[in-house]
């Protein structure tokens, strides 16, 4: 067992853990789960999914089986024992990039001085509205899905969203008071 064979990127780990959780599954079904999730940030286009499946299969972490009687050539996906070991190792690992996540809103604020005060206020208000919309989407999604540790996952997504809204409130107050 080579470590590179079992070392997964977050995209690979997320994909393989989903396959493991819902197997047997198809590429289409996994793509649907990603598309329906209000918290997924992974590109799930066919141009990304099928090469990912091929790479994971070549590494012995995923296996495919033709769906009996399916004329379209649909293949079911299964996680191998080595794949399960790789997912276990991936879940166990906490990387520096997991501690403070990328935040495009935070990144954009570095150039906030390019906007007028009115534009800054409008930007903050739009971001807040989108976060409010996301909270509603999260609540709706919570009612539709049944995943392990659903309450913890939902709580994290909601609390993270609320923290961002609180941050925007502090920014708005600062902008309104002429600060920066």
Protein backbone atom coordinates (compact mmCIF):
# COMPACT_ATOMS: atom_id res chain seq x y z
CA UNK A 1 0.00 0.00 0.00
CA UNK A 2 1.74 3.15 -1.19
CA UNK A 3 0.84 6.33 0.61
CA UNK A 4 0.28 8.23 -2.65
CA UNK A 5 -2.24 5.60 -3.69
CA UNK A 6 -4.22 6.24 -0.53
CA UNK A 7 -3.65 9.98 -0.20
CA UNK A 8 -6.77 11.80 -1.33
CA UNK A 9 -7.43 15.40 -2.22
CA UNK A 10 -10.52 16.86 -0.58
CA UNK A 11 -12.38 16.52 -3.88
CA UNK A 12 -11.39 12.85 -4.18
CA UNK A 13 -12.18 12.17 -0.54
CA UNK A 14 -15.58 13.82 -0.75
CA UNK A 15 -16.43 11.94 -3.92
CA UNK A 16 -15.22 8.55 -2.70
CA UNK A 17 -16.89 8.93 0.70
CA UNK A 18 -20.18 9.73 -1.03
CA UNK A 19 -19.84 6.66 -3.24
CA UNK A 20 -19.09 4.57 -0.14
CA UNK A 21 -22.15 5.95 1.64
CA UNK A 22 -24.68 5.43 -1.20
CA UNK A 23 -23.22 2.51 -3.15
CA UNK A 24 -24.06 1.03 -5.49
CA UNK A 25 -24.41 4.32 -7.31
CA UNK A 26 -23.79 5.82 -10.71
CA UNK A 27 -21.83 8.87 -11.81
CA UNK A 28 -25.16 10.54 -12.60
CA UNK A 29 -26.51 9.88 -9.10
CA UNK A 30 -23.38 11.29 -7.46
CA UNK A 31 -23.55 14.35 -9.71
CA UNK A 32 -27.19 14.85 -8.69
CA UNK A 33 -26.29 14.73 -5.00
CA UNK A 34 -23.63 17.39 -5.55
CA UNK A 35 -25.99 19.57 -7.61
CA UNK A 36 -28.77 19.36 -5.02
CA UNK A 37 -26.52 20.16 -2.08
CA UNK A 38 -26.52 23.79 -0.94
CA UNK A 39 -23.09 23.29 0.62
CA UNK A 40 -21.14 21.52 -2.13
CA UNK A 41 -18.41 23.59 -3.71
CA UNK A 42 -17.01 20.97 -6.03
CA UNK A 43 -17.18 21.20 -9.80
CA UNK A 44 -19.24 18.20 -10.83
CA UNK A 45 -19.38 18.63 -14.58
CA UNK A 46 -19.02 15.50 -16.70
CA UNK A 47 -15.63 16.84 -17.74
CA UNK A 48 -14.50 16.57 -14.10
CA UNK A 49 -16.44 13.57 -12.76
CA UNK A 50 -15.53 10.95 -15.38
CA UNK A 51 -11.77 11.62 -15.26
CA UNK A 52 -11.98 11.51 -11.45
CA UNK A 53 -13.73 8.13 -11.62
CA UNK A 54 -11.09 6.84 -14.04
CA UNK A 55 -8.22 7.99 -11.79
CA UNK A 56 -9.77 6.47 -8.67
CA UNK A 57 -10.40 3.21 -10.51
CA UNK A 58 -6.80 3.13 -11.83
CA UNK A 59 -5.56 3.57 -8.26
CA UNK A 60 -7.70 0.63 -7.14
CA UNK A 61 -9.91 2.76 -4.89
CA UNK A 62 -13.09 2.46 -6.95
CA UNK A 63 -14.54 -0.31 -9.07
CA UNK A 64 -17.26 -0.27 -11.68
CA UNK A 65 -19.81 -2.85 -12.73
CA UNK A 66 -22.16 -2.71 -15.69
CA UNK A 67 -25.82 -2.47 -14.69
CA UNK A 68 -27.39 -5.73 -15.88
CA UNK A 69 -29.87 -5.23 -18.69
CA UNK A 70 -29.10 -1.52 -19.11
CA UNK A 71 -28.71 -0.78 -22.81
CA UNK A 72 -27.15 2.62 -22.20
CA UNK A 73 -24.02 1.07 -20.68
CA UNK A 74 -24.63 2.53 -17.23
CA UNK A 75 -22.01 1.54 -14.70
CA UNK A 76 -22.49 1.21 -10.97
CA UNK A 77 -19.71 2.51 -8.76
CA UNK A 78 -18.41 0.77 -5.66
CA UNK A 79 -15.68 1.70 -3.22
CA UNK A 80 -13.01 -1.02 -2.87
CA UNK A 81 -11.52 -2.04 0.48
CA UNK A 82 -8.47 0.06 -0.43
CA UNK A 83 -10.83 2.91 -1.26
CA UNK A 84 -12.49 2.58 2.12
CA UNK A 85 -9.04 2.67 3.77
CA UNK A 86 -8.18 5.79 1.76
CA UNK A 87 -11.44 7.48 2.83
CA UNK A 88 -10.73 6.55 6.46
CA UNK A 89 -7.26 8.08 6.21
CA UNK A 90 -8.70 11.18 4.49
CA UNK A 91 -11.37 11.66 7.17
CA UNK A 92 -8.74 11.30 9.89
CA UNK A 93 -6.49 14.00 8.46
CA UNK A 94 -6.87 17.69 9.30
CA UNK A 95 -4.87 19.94 7.00
CA UNK A 96 -4.01 23.61 7.46
CA UNK A 97 -6.41 24.43 4.60
CA UNK A 98 -9.28 22.96 6.66
CA UNK A 99 -8.78 25.34 9.57
CA UNK A 100 -9.43 28.68 7.87
CA UNK A 101 -11.43 28.13 4.73
CA UNK A 102 -11.19 30.23 1.60
CA UNK A 103 -13.81 32.96 1.60
CA UNK A 104 -14.29 34.88 -1.64
CA UNK A 105 -16.28 37.58 0.17
CA UNK A 106 -13.39 38.14 2.57
CA UNK A 107 -10.95 38.21 -0.35
CA UNK A 108 -13.00 40.83 -2.22
CA UNK A 109 -13.05 43.14 0.79
CA UNK A 110 -9.29 43.60 0.35
CA UNK A 111 -10.19 45.80 -2.64
CA UNK A 112 -13.22 47.47 -1.05
CA UNK A 113 -11.56 50.88 -1.33
CA UNK A 114 -12.26 50.76 -5.09
CA UNK A 115 -15.99 51.09 -4.36
CA UNK A 116 -17.82 54.22 -3.29
CA UNK A 117 -19.52 54.24 0.09
CA UNK A 118 -22.89 53.64 -1.63
CA UNK A 119 -21.44 50.75 -3.63
CA UNK A 120 -19.97 49.25 -0.47
CA UNK A 121 -23.32 49.47 1.30
CA UNK A 122 -25.10 47.92 -1.70
CA UNK A 123 -22.52 45.12 -1.87
CA UNK A 124 -22.88 44.35 1.84
CA UNK A 125 -26.68 44.35 1.59
CA UNK A 126 -26.64 42.03 -1.41
CA UNK A 127 -24.22 39.65 0.32
CA UNK A 128 -26.43 39.63 3.43
CA UNK A 129 -29.52 38.88 1.34
CA UNK A 130 -27.77 36.02 -0.42
CA UNK A 131 -26.70 34.59 2.92
CA UNK A 132 -30.30 34.87 4.18
CA UNK A 133 -31.42 33.01 1.05
CA UNK A 134 -28.76 30.37 1.74
CA UNK A 135 -30.09 29.90 5.30
CA UNK A 136 -33.55 29.22 3.89
CA UNK A 137 -32.05 26.79 1.37
CA UNK A 138 -30.15 25.01 4.15
CA UNK A 139 -33.31 24.58 6.22
CA UNK A 140 -35.20 23.21 3.23
CA UNK A 141 -32.37 20.84 2.33
CA UNK A 142 -32.18 19.58 5.92
CA UNK A 143 -35.78 18.38 5.66
CA UNK A 144 -35.12 16.55 2.38
CA UNK A 145 -31.97 14.57 3.18
CA UNK A 146 -30.95 11.88 5.57
CA UNK A 147 -27.19 11.74 5.98
CA UNK A 148 -25.01 10.64 8.89
CA UNK A 149 -24.51 13.37 11.49
CA UNK A 150 -27.05 15.55 9.69
CA UNK A 151 -27.69 17.77 12.72
CA UNK A 152 -23.97 18.54 13.16
CA UNK A 153 -23.53 19.23 9.44
CA UNK A 154 -26.56 21.50 9.37
CA UNK A 155 -25.45 23.31 12.52
CA UNK A 156 -22.00 23.98 11.04
CA UNK A 157 -23.43 25.35 7.80
CA UNK A 158 -25.95 27.55 9.62
CA UNK A 159 -23.52 28.86 12.23
CA UNK A 160 -20.89 29.60 9.56
CA UNK A 161 -23.46 31.49 7.53
CA UNK A 162 -24.64 33.44 10.57
CA UNK A 163 -21.05 34.31 11.49
CA UNK A 164 -20.55 35.73 8.00
CA UNK A 165 -23.76 37.76 8.37
CA UNK A 166 -22.54 39.13 11.72
CA UNK A 167 -19.24 40.06 10.06
CA UNK A 168 -21.16 41.89 7.32
CA UNK A 169 -23.19 43.74 9.96
CA UNK A 170 -19.96 44.97 11.57
CA UNK A 171 -18.65 46.02 8.15
CA UNK A 172 -21.86 47.87 7.38
CA UNK A 173 -21.69 49.75 10.66
CA UNK A 174 -18.07 50.68 9.96
CA UNK A 175 -18.85 51.84 6.40
CA UNK A 176 -21.82 53.88 7.62
CA UNK A 177 -19.59 55.53 10.25
CA UNK A 178 -16.97 56.40 7.63
CA UNK A 179 -14.48 53.74 8.74
CA UNK A 180 -12.65 51.14 6.74
